[in-house]
Amino acid sequence: MSILRRNRYEPKRGDLLLWRRYRIVRNLKDHLIAHYKMNDNLATDVILDATGTHNGAVKDVGGTATSAFHSVAGKINFAQDFDGGDDYIEIADHADFTPASTPFSISVWVNMHTATYFIWASKWQTWSNQEWLLFTGTQKTIHYRIYDNSAGAYLGRAYGTSLASYEGQWTHFVATYDGGISSSGIRIYLNGLRVDDAPSENNPGSFVAVENLNSAVWIGRYDTHHADGLIDNMMFFDVELTLSEVRFLYKNGVGIENIP
C-alpha cells in the first residue's frame, strides 16, 4: 500500500456511529490545523500532514533521517520511534500553529520508553521565540504551557502525578487552550479523563497573548531535550476540544485515525 493511500481520510461506519454517540456537533475535520498519522515508511525524511498543508521532516543528527528507519508498529497502523537522543520531527514555522488569542488543541497517542523529559511537541526556543510547550521534566509530570514571549510570562496547567506507571504502554493525551489570559483556560486529558490539577505558570498577570514568532514546530523535542518513545496520530486543532470530542478521539482506548 502506498504511503499516500495510507494517509487518506477513509472514515469507517463505526466511527460515524461513535460520532453520533458522543453528540459531536461540529465537524472536527474542518478544524484540523495538521494531522500527522505517522504512517510514513519511505526512504525520505517527509512526514505527511493528512490535511496536505504542513508536511514535516524527520531529523536524526546521528542516525538515518528517513521515515522508514523510524517507522514501527503504532497504536493505529504505524508510528515513529524517537530514541531520546537526537530524533525529532520539524515542521516549518507558520501562523496556523500560533494561538494568538485563539483556541488551540493537541491530540496524540504516545508509548513512552521513559516519561523523563518526554516531549510531545513544542513551538519554543530558549529565551526567545516561545509560544507553547507540552512536556514532562525530571519528575515525569506533564505540563502544558502557553507563552507571551515579550512579557516574560506564561500560562499553564500541570498534572502533578508521575507518568511513570504509563511507561511502555500506549496512552492518549489531549491538551487544550481556550485562547484566553488565564491558566484556568488550559486543560490536560489522559485516556479520556481530565487530569490537570495545578497551575504551571509564571507572571500570569502580565500575560496578554501569544505572539506570532518564528520558531519551527518540533514533535518530540524542545531545546536540547528529546522524547524517548513512540509517537502516533498527532493532531493539531484551531478549537478548544470539548470533553465529548476528547472521548470521541480516545474511542474507548482504541483511538481513531480518520475523522468522519
C-alpha atoms as a PDB file:
ATOM      1  CA  MET A   1       0.000   0.000   0.000  1.00  0.00           C
ATOM      2  CA  SER A   2       1.395   3.382  -0.933  1.00  0.00           C
ATOM      3  CA  ILE A   3       2.116   5.984   1.700  1.00  0.00           C
ATOM      4  CA  LEU A   4      -0.325   8.368   0.054  1.00  0.00           C
ATOM      5  CA  ARG A   5      -3.160   5.882   0.363  1.00  0.00           C
ATOM      6  CA  ARG A   6      -2.223   5.098   3.951  1.00  0.00           C
ATOM      7  CA  ASN A   7      -2.751   8.764   4.801  1.00  0.00           C
ATOM      8  CA  ARG A   8      -6.108   9.291   3.092  1.00  0.00           C
ATOM      9  CA  TYR A   9      -9.210  10.089   5.118  1.00  0.00           C
ATOM     10  CA  GLU A  10     -11.410   6.986   4.968  1.00  0.00           C
ATOM     11  CA  PRO A  11     -13.923   7.141   7.826  1.00  0.00           C
ATOM     12  CA  LYS A  12     -15.427   3.852   8.917  1.00  0.00           C
ATOM     13  CA  ARG A  13     -19.113   3.285   9.627  1.00  0.00           C
ATOM     14  CA  GLY A  14     -18.273   2.553  13.277  1.00  0.00           C
ATOM     15  CA  ASP A  15     -16.539   5.916  13.594  1.00  0.00           C
ATOM     16  CA  LEU A  16     -19.626   7.671  12.237  1.00  0.00           C
ATOM     17  CA  LEU A  17     -21.767   5.887  14.816  1.00  0.00           C
ATOM     18  CA  LEU A  18     -19.314   6.881  17.547  1.00  0.00           C
ATOM     19  CA  TRP A  19     -19.523  10.475  16.306  1.00  0.00           C
ATOM     20  CA  ARG A  20     -23.295  10.403  16.863  1.00  0.00           C
ATOM     21  CA  ARG A  21     -22.967   8.621  20.220  1.00  0.00           C
ATOM     22  CA  TYR A  22     -20.821  11.423  21.652  1.00  0.00           C
ATOM     23  CA  ARG A  23     -23.114  14.042  20.090  1.00  0.00           C
ATOM     24  CA  ILE A  24     -20.298  15.783  18.250  1.00  0.00           C
ATOM     25  CA  VAL A  25     -22.000  18.853  16.777  1.00  0.00           C
ATOM     26  CA  ARG A  26     -19.132  20.361  14.777  1.00  0.00           C
ATOM     27  CA  ASN A  27     -17.013  18.839  12.045  1.00  0.00           C
ATOM     28  CA  LEU A  28     -13.610  18.426  13.667  1.00  0.00           C
ATOM     29  CA  LYS A  29     -12.009  17.727  10.312  1.00  0.00           C
ATOM     30  CA  ASP A  30     -12.757  21.344   9.371  1.00  0.00           C
ATOM     31  CA  HIS A  31     -10.810  22.487  12.435  1.00  0.00           C
ATOM     32  CA  LEU A  32      -7.656  20.445  11.874  1.00  0.00           C
ATOM     33  CA  ILE A  33      -4.541  22.559  11.527  1.00  0.00           C
ATOM     34  CA  ALA A  34      -2.448  19.486  10.802  1.00  0.00           C
ATOM     35  CA  HIS A  35      -2.738  15.722  11.241  1.00  0.00           C
ATOM     36  CA  TYR A  36       0.348  13.508  11.399  1.00  0.00           C
ATOM     37  CA  LYS A  37      -0.782   9.890  11.204  1.00  0.00           C
ATOM     38  CA  MET A  38       2.877   8.758  11.351  1.00  0.00           C
ATOM     39  CA  ASN A  39       2.156   6.026   8.790  1.00  0.00           C
ATOM     40  CA  ASP A  40       5.113   7.247   6.718  1.00  0.00           C
ATOM     41  CA  ASN A  41       7.532   4.482   5.725  1.00  0.00           C
ATOM     42  CA  LEU A  42       9.718   5.722   2.881  1.00  0.00           C
ATOM     43  CA  ALA A  43      13.402   6.372   2.224  1.00  0.00           C
ATOM     44  CA  THR A  44      12.846  10.128   2.580  1.00  0.00           C
ATOM     45  CA  ASP A  45      12.598  12.495   5.542  1.00  0.00           C
ATOM     46  CA  VAL A  46       8.995  13.508   4.782  1.00  0.00           C
ATOM     47  CA  ILE A  47       6.264  13.165   7.425  1.00  0.00           C
ATOM     48  CA  LEU A  48       2.956  13.768   5.699  1.00  0.00           C
ATOM     49  CA  ASP A  49       0.286  16.063   7.056  1.00  0.00           C
ATOM     50  CA  ALA A  50      -3.007  14.374   6.125  1.00  0.00           C
ATOM     51  CA  THR A  51      -4.591  17.795   5.567  1.00  0.00           C
ATOM     52  CA  GLY A  52      -1.993  18.397   2.842  1.00  0.00           C
ATOM     53  CA  THR A  53      -0.772  21.678   4.303  1.00  0.00           C
ATOM     54  CA  HIS A  54       2.090  21.321   6.790  1.00  0.00           C
ATOM     55  CA  ASN A  55       4.327  18.369   5.972  1.00  0.00           C
ATOM     56  CA  GLY A  56       7.142  17.755   8.449  1.00  0.00           C
ATOM     57  CA  ALA A  57      10.647  16.313   8.189  1.00  0.00           C
ATOM     58  CA  VAL A  58      12.436  13.645  10.237  1.00  0.00           C
ATOM     59  CA  LYS A  59      15.573  14.905  11.994  1.00  0.00           C
ATOM     60  CA  ASP A  60      18.196  12.446  13.229  1.00  0.00           C
ATOM     61  CA  VAL A  61      21.614  14.058  13.597  1.00  0.00           C
ATOM     62  CA  GLY A  62      23.496  10.884  14.455  1.00  0.00           C
ATOM     63  CA  GLY A  63      21.451   8.359  12.515  1.00  0.00           C
ATOM     64  CA  THR A  64      19.240   7.869   9.490  1.00  0.00           C
ATOM     65  CA  ALA A  65      16.803  10.716   8.862  1.00  0.00           C
ATOM     66  CA  THR A  66      14.125   8.781   6.974  1.00  0.00           C
ATOM     67  CA  SER A  67      10.586   7.887   7.962  1.00  0.00           C
ATOM     68  CA  ALA A  68      11.272   4.242   7.029  1.00  0.00           C
ATOM     69  CA  PHE A  69      14.156   3.958   9.502  1.00  0.00           C
ATOM     70  CA  HIS A  70      11.974   5.248  12.354  1.00  0.00           C
ATOM     71  CA  SER A  71       8.747   3.500  11.345  1.00  0.00           C
ATOM     72  CA  VAL A  72       7.416   0.892  13.803  1.00  0.00           C
ATOM     73  CA  ALA A  73       4.072  -0.671  14.664  1.00  0.00           C
ATOM     74  CA  GLY A  74       1.892   2.024  16.195  1.00  0.00           C
ATOM     75  CA  LYS A  75      -1.290   2.420  18.153  1.00  0.00           C
ATOM     76  CA  ILE A  76      -3.126   2.700  14.843  1.00  0.00           C
ATOM     77  CA  ASN A  77      -1.215   1.270  11.880  1.00  0.00           C
ATOM     78  CA  PHE A  78       2.296   2.763  12.213  1.00  0.00           C
ATOM     79  CA  ALA A  79       4.194   5.195  14.468  1.00  0.00           C
ATOM     80  CA  GLN A  80       7.543   6.985  14.513  1.00  0.00           C
ATOM     81  CA  ASP A  81      10.167   5.856  17.037  1.00  0.00           C
ATOM     82  CA  PHE A  82      12.241   8.513  18.866  1.00  0.00           C
ATOM     83  CA  ASP A  83      15.445   7.473  20.655  1.00  0.00           C
ATOM     84  CA  GLY A  84      15.648  10.239  23.271  1.00  0.00           C
ATOM     85  CA  GLY A  85      18.970  11.469  21.894  1.00  0.00           C
ATOM     86  CA  ASP A  86      18.606  13.448  18.690  1.00  0.00           C
ATOM     87  CA  ASP A  87      15.408  12.321  16.934  1.00  0.00           C
ATOM     88  CA  TYR A  88      12.513  14.667  16.271  1.00  0.00           C
ATOM     89  CA  ILE A  89      10.188  15.950  13.561  1.00  0.00           C
ATOM     90  CA  GLU A  90      10.378  19.543  12.366  1.00  0.00           C
ATOM     91  CA  ILE A  91       7.508  21.477  10.822  1.00  0.00           C
ATOM     92  CA  ALA A  92       8.190  24.881   9.305  1.00  0.00           C
ATOM     93  CA  ASP A  93       7.003  27.925  11.207  1.00  0.00           C
ATOM     94  CA  HIS A  94       3.505  29.012  10.238  1.00  0.00           C
ATOM     95  CA  ALA A  95       0.907  31.291  11.804  1.00  0.00           C
ATOM     96  CA  ASP A  96      -1.548  28.377  11.833  1.00  0.00           C
ATOM     97  CA  PHE A  97       0.385  26.993  14.820  1.00  0.00           C
ATOM     98  CA  THR A  98       0.304  30.286  16.762  1.00  0.00           C
ATOM     99  CA  PRO A  99      -2.696  30.557  19.122  1.00  0.00           C
ATOM    100  CA  ALA A 100      -2.668  34.365  19.283  1.00  0.00           C
ATOM    101  CA  SER A 101      -5.788  34.866  21.443  1.00  0.00           C
ATOM    102  CA  THR A 102      -7.326  31.910  19.630  1.00  0.00           C
ATOM    103  CA  PRO A 103      -8.092  28.351  20.817  1.00  0.00           C
ATOM    104  CA  PHE A 104      -5.581  25.573  20.233  1.00  0.00           C
ATOM    105  CA  SER A 105      -5.633  21.841  20.993  1.00  0.00           C
ATOM    106  CA  ILE A 106      -3.290  18.884  20.562  1.00  0.00           C
ATOM    107  CA  SER A 107      -4.334  15.212  20.487  1.00  0.00           C
ATOM    108  CA  VAL A 108      -1.786  12.392  20.318  1.00  0.00           C
ATOM    109  CA  TRP A 109      -1.024   8.778  21.222  1.00  0.00           C
ATOM    110  CA  VAL A 110       2.372   8.022  22.764  1.00  0.00           C
ATOM    111  CA  ASN A 111       4.197   4.998  24.120  1.00  0.00           C
ATOM    112  CA  MET A 112       6.881   6.398  26.413  1.00  0.00           C
ATOM    113  CA  HIS A 113      10.033   4.365  26.943  1.00  0.00           C
ATOM    114  CA  THR A 114      10.679   6.829  29.735  1.00  0.00           C
ATOM    115  CA  ALA A 115       8.479   9.650  30.984  1.00  0.00           C
ATOM    116  CA  THR A 116      11.518  11.739  31.982  1.00  0.00           C
ATOM    117  CA  TYR A 117      11.687  14.746  29.667  1.00  0.00           C
ATOM    118  CA  PHE A 118       9.167  13.269  27.284  1.00  0.00           C
ATOM    119  CA  ILE A 119       8.300  15.966  24.763  1.00  0.00           C
ATOM    120  CA  TRP A 120       5.023  15.748  22.886  1.00  0.00           C
ATOM    121  CA  ALA A 121       5.513  18.932  20.857  1.00  0.00           C
ATOM    122  CA  SER A 122       6.764  22.497  21.140  1.00  0.00           C
ATOM    123  CA  LYS A 123       6.996  25.843  19.418  1.00  0.00           C
ATOM    124  CA  TRP A 124       9.624  27.163  21.782  1.00  0.00           C
ATOM    125  CA  GLN A 125      13.273  28.169  21.880  1.00  0.00           C
ATOM    126  CA  THR A 126      15.412  29.034  24.905  1.00  0.00           C
ATOM    127  CA  TRP A 127      14.990  32.702  25.859  1.00  0.00           C
ATOM    128  CA  SER A 128      13.291  33.579  22.585  1.00  0.00           C
ATOM    129  CA  ASN A 129      10.520  32.597  20.168  1.00  0.00           C
ATOM    130  CA  GLN A 130       8.480  30.995  22.934  1.00  0.00           C
ATOM    131  CA  GLU A 131       4.868  30.193  22.051  1.00  0.00           C
ATOM    132  CA  TRP A 132       3.787  26.861  23.578  1.00  0.00           C
ATOM    133  CA  LEU A 133       5.173  23.653  25.052  1.00  0.00           C
ATOM    134  CA  LEU A 134       3.813  20.222  26.076  1.00  0.00           C
ATOM    135  CA  PHE A 135       6.362  18.242  28.079  1.00  0.00           C
ATOM    136  CA  THR A 136       7.453  16.421  31.219  1.00  0.00           C
ATOM    137  CA  GLY A 137      10.542  17.116  33.330  1.00  0.00           C
ATOM    138  CA  THR A 138      12.628  15.129  35.778  1.00  0.00           C
ATOM    139  CA  GLN A 139       9.584  14.414  37.958  1.00  0.00           C
ATOM    140  CA  LYS A 140       7.774  12.813  34.992  1.00  0.00           C
ATOM    141  CA  THR A 141       4.797  15.166  35.419  1.00  0.00           C
ATOM    142  CA  ILE A 142       3.109  16.674  32.390  1.00  0.00           C
ATOM    143  CA  HIS A 143       2.896  20.430  31.809  1.00  0.00           C
ATOM    144  CA  TYR A 144       1.116  22.383  29.068  1.00  0.00           C
ATOM    145  CA  ARG A 145       2.275  25.998  28.832  1.00  0.00           C
ATOM    146  CA  ILE A 146       1.272  28.934  26.651  1.00  0.00           C
ATOM    147  CA  TYR A 147       3.762  31.841  26.431  1.00  0.00           C
ATOM    148  CA  ASP A 148       3.722  35.608  25.968  1.00  0.00           C
ATOM    149  CA  ASN A 149       7.370  35.930  24.961  1.00  0.00           C
ATOM    150  CA  SER A 150       7.911  39.696  25.292  1.00  0.00           C
ATOM    151  CA  ALA A 151       6.120  39.825  28.663  1.00  0.00           C
ATOM    152  CA  GLY A 152       8.245  37.009  30.084  1.00  0.00           C
ATOM    153  CA  ALA A 153       5.017  35.326  31.148  1.00  0.00           C
ATOM    154  CA  TYR A 154       3.307  32.024  30.606  1.00  0.00           C
ATOM    155  CA  LEU A 155       0.046  30.360  31.485  1.00  0.00           C
ATOM    156  CA  GLY A 156      -0.171  26.657  32.117  1.00  0.00           C
ATOM    157  CA  ARG A 157      -1.622  23.650  33.825  1.00  0.00           C
ATOM    158  CA  ALA A 158       0.046  20.508  35.127  1.00  0.00           C
ATOM    159  CA  TYR A 159      -0.854  17.035  36.311  1.00  0.00           C
ATOM    160  CA  GLY A 160       1.134  16.512  39.481  1.00  0.00           C
ATOM    161  CA  THR A 161       1.204  12.705  39.399  1.00  0.00           C
ATOM    162  CA  SER A 162       4.204  10.993  37.844  1.00  0.00           C
ATOM    163  CA  LEU A 163       3.548   9.333  34.489  1.00  0.00           C
ATOM    164  CA  ALA A 164       5.976   6.507  35.326  1.00  0.00           C
ATOM    165  CA  SER A 165       3.129   3.992  35.506  1.00  0.00           C
ATOM    166  CA  TYR A 166       2.271   4.764  31.873  1.00  0.00           C
ATOM    167  CA  GLU A 167       5.725   3.943  30.523  1.00  0.00           C
ATOM    168  CA  GLY A 168       5.779   1.120  28.000  1.00  0.00           C
ATOM    169  CA  GLN A 169       2.107   1.342  27.042  1.00  0.00           C
ATOM    170  CA  TRP A 170       0.024   3.317  24.585  1.00  0.00           C
ATOM    171  CA  THR A 171      -1.548   6.352  26.217  1.00  0.00           C
ATOM    172  CA  HIS A 172      -3.756   9.071  24.783  1.00  0.00           C
ATOM    173  CA  PHE A 173      -3.143  12.718  25.684  1.00  0.00           C
ATOM    174  CA  VAL A 174      -5.073  15.842  24.784  1.00  0.00           C
ATOM    175  CA  ALA A 175      -4.057  19.389  25.748  1.00  0.00           C
ATOM    176  CA  THR A 176      -6.447  22.290  25.143  1.00  0.00           C
ATOM    177  CA  TYR A 177      -6.275  26.087  25.381  1.00  0.00           C
ATOM    178  CA  ASP A 178      -9.270  28.421  25.120  1.00  0.00           C
ATOM    179  CA  GLY A 179      -7.304  31.405  23.756  1.00  0.00           C
ATOM    180  CA  GLY A 180      -7.719  33.469  26.923  1.00  0.00           C
ATOM    181  CA  ILE A 181      -5.474  35.092  29.523  1.00  0.00           C
ATOM    182  CA  SER A 182      -5.916  32.702  32.445  1.00  0.00           C
ATOM    183  CA  SER A 183      -4.404  29.312  33.225  1.00  0.00           C
ATOM    184  CA  SER A 184      -7.933  28.139  34.007  1.00  0.00           C
ATOM    185  CA  GLY A 185      -8.485  28.074  30.237  1.00  0.00           C
ATOM    186  CA  ILE A 186      -5.949  25.256  29.821  1.00  0.00           C
ATOM    187  CA  ARG A 187      -6.791  21.578  30.297  1.00  0.00           C
ATOM    188  CA  ILE A 188      -4.974  18.249  30.070  1.00  0.00           C
ATOM    189  CA  TYR A 189      -6.708  14.938  29.387  1.00  0.00           C
ATOM    190  CA  LEU A 190      -5.264  11.445  29.813  1.00  0.00           C
ATOM    191  CA  ASN A 191      -7.112   8.467  28.308  1.00  0.00           C
ATOM    192  CA  GLY A 192     -10.340  10.426  28.016  1.00  0.00           C
ATOM    193  CA  LEU A 193     -10.300  11.933  31.516  1.00  0.00           C
ATOM    194  CA  ARG A 194      -9.343  15.439  32.584  1.00  0.00           C
ATOM    195  CA  VAL A 195      -6.328  15.188  34.931  1.00  0.00           C
ATOM    196  CA  ASP A 196      -4.686  18.642  35.308  1.00  0.00           C
ATOM    197  CA  ASP A 197      -4.740  19.582  38.983  1.00  0.00           C
ATOM    198  CA  ALA A 198      -2.415  22.591  39.430  1.00  0.00           C
ATOM    199  CA  PRO A 199      -1.291  25.762  37.667  1.00  0.00           C
ATOM    200  CA  SER A 200       2.063  25.763  35.848  1.00  0.00           C
ATOM    201  CA  GLU A 201       2.574  29.475  35.269  1.00  0.00           C
ATOM    202  CA  ASN A 202       4.927  32.415  35.592  1.00  0.00           C
ATOM    203  CA  ASN A 203       3.950  36.084  35.919  1.00  0.00           C
ATOM    204  CA  PRO A 204       0.433  35.294  34.638  1.00  0.00           C
ATOM    205  CA  GLY A 205      -0.881  38.792  35.378  1.00  0.00           C
ATOM    206  CA  SER A 206       1.398  40.169  32.633  1.00  0.00           C
ATOM    207  CA  PHE A 207       0.206  37.691  30.001  1.00  0.00           C
ATOM    208  CA  VAL A 208      -1.530  39.419  27.086  1.00  0.00           C
ATOM    209  CA  ALA A 209      -1.376  36.981  24.166  1.00  0.00           C
ATOM    210  CA  VAL A 210       0.823  34.513  22.339  1.00  0.00           C
ATOM    211  CA  GLU A 211       2.966  36.378  19.822  1.00  0.00           C
ATOM    212  CA  ASN A 212       3.437  35.174  16.255  1.00  0.00           C
ATOM    213  CA  LEU A 213       7.170  34.460  16.305  1.00  0.00           C
ATOM    214  CA  ASN A 214       9.352  32.367  14.012  1.00  0.00           C
ATOM    215  CA  SER A 215      10.233  29.147  15.810  1.00  0.00           C
ATOM    216  CA  ALA A 216       9.568  25.889  13.986  1.00  0.00           C
ATOM    217  CA  VAL A 217       7.197  23.312  15.448  1.00  0.00           C
ATOM    218  CA  TRP A 218       9.055  20.344  16.884  1.00  0.00           C
ATOM    219  CA  ILE A 219       7.446  17.000  17.599  1.00  0.00           C
ATOM    220  CA  GLY A 220       9.454  15.036  20.139  1.00  0.00           C
ATOM    221  CA  ARG A 221      11.795  17.870  21.105  1.00  0.00           C
ATOM    222  CA  TYR A 222      12.208  21.162  22.908  1.00  0.00           C
ATOM    223  CA  ASP A 223      15.550  22.881  23.464  1.00  0.00           C
ATOM    224  CA  THR A 224      18.099  20.051  23.960  1.00  0.00           C
ATOM    225  CA  HIS A 225      15.537  17.576  25.306  1.00  0.00           C
ATOM    226  CA  HIS A 226      14.203  14.770  23.140  1.00  0.00           C
ATOM    227  CA  ALA A 227      11.378  12.269  23.608  1.00  0.00           C
ATOM    228  CA  ASP A 228      12.285   8.624  24.154  1.00  0.00           C
ATOM    229  CA  GLY A 229       9.382   6.570  22.853  1.00  0.00           C
ATOM    230  CA  LEU A 230       6.809   6.195  20.096  1.00  0.00           C
ATOM    231  CA  ILE A 231       4.517   8.951  18.816  1.00  0.00           C
ATOM    232  CA  ASP A 232       1.426   8.254  16.729  1.00  0.00           C
ATOM    233  CA  ASN A 233      -1.554  10.061  15.255  1.00  0.00           C
ATOM    234  CA  MET A 234      -0.796  13.632  16.337  1.00  0.00           C
ATOM    235  CA  MET A 235      -3.481  16.217  15.559  1.00  0.00           C
ATOM    236  CA  PHE A 236      -3.457  19.990  15.980  1.00  0.00           C
ATOM    237  CA  PHE A 237      -6.804  21.828  16.117  1.00  0.00           C
ATOM    238  CA  ASP A 238      -7.824  25.503  15.997  1.00  0.00           C
ATOM    239  CA  VAL A 239     -10.572  24.923  18.575  1.00  0.00           C
ATOM    240  CA  GLU A 240     -10.704  24.062  22.255  1.00  0.00           C
ATOM    241  CA  LEU A 241     -11.762  20.411  22.207  1.00  0.00           C
ATOM    242  CA  THR A 242     -14.665  19.543  24.482  1.00  0.00           C
ATOM    243  CA  LEU A 243     -14.756  16.504  26.776  1.00  0.00           C
ATOM    244  CA  SER A 244     -17.083  14.740  24.336  1.00  0.00           C
ATOM    245  CA  GLU A 245     -14.680  15.390  21.479  1.00  0.00           C
ATOM    246  CA  VAL A 246     -11.733  14.163  23.571  1.00  0.00           C
ATOM    247  CA  ARG A 247     -13.580  10.946  24.335  1.00  0.00           C
ATOM    248  CA  PHE A 248     -14.510  10.557  20.692  1.00  0.00           C
ATOM    249  CA  LEU A 249     -10.817  10.743  19.722  1.00  0.00           C
ATOM    250  CA  TYR A 250      -9.869   8.337  22.526  1.00  0.00           C
ATOM    251  CA  LYS A 251     -12.567   5.878  21.329  1.00  0.00           C
ATOM    252  CA  ASN A 252     -12.555   3.741  24.481  1.00  0.00           C
ATOM    253  CA  GLY A 253      -8.819   3.128  24.182  1.00  0.00           C
ATOM    254  CA  VAL A 254      -8.890   2.112  20.522  1.00  0.00           C
ATOM    255  CA  GLY A 255      -8.232   5.530  19.039  1.00  0.00           C
ATOM    256  CA  ILE A 256      -9.407   6.993  15.755  1.00  0.00           C
ATOM    257  CA  GLU A 257      -7.259   7.898  12.772  1.00  0.00           C
ATOM    258  CA  ASN A 258      -9.854   9.053  10.257  1.00  0.00           C
ATOM    259  CA  ILE A 259     -12.248  11.750  11.416  1.00  0.00           C
ATOM    260  CA  PRO A 260     -15.666  11.496   9.694  1.00  0.00           C
END
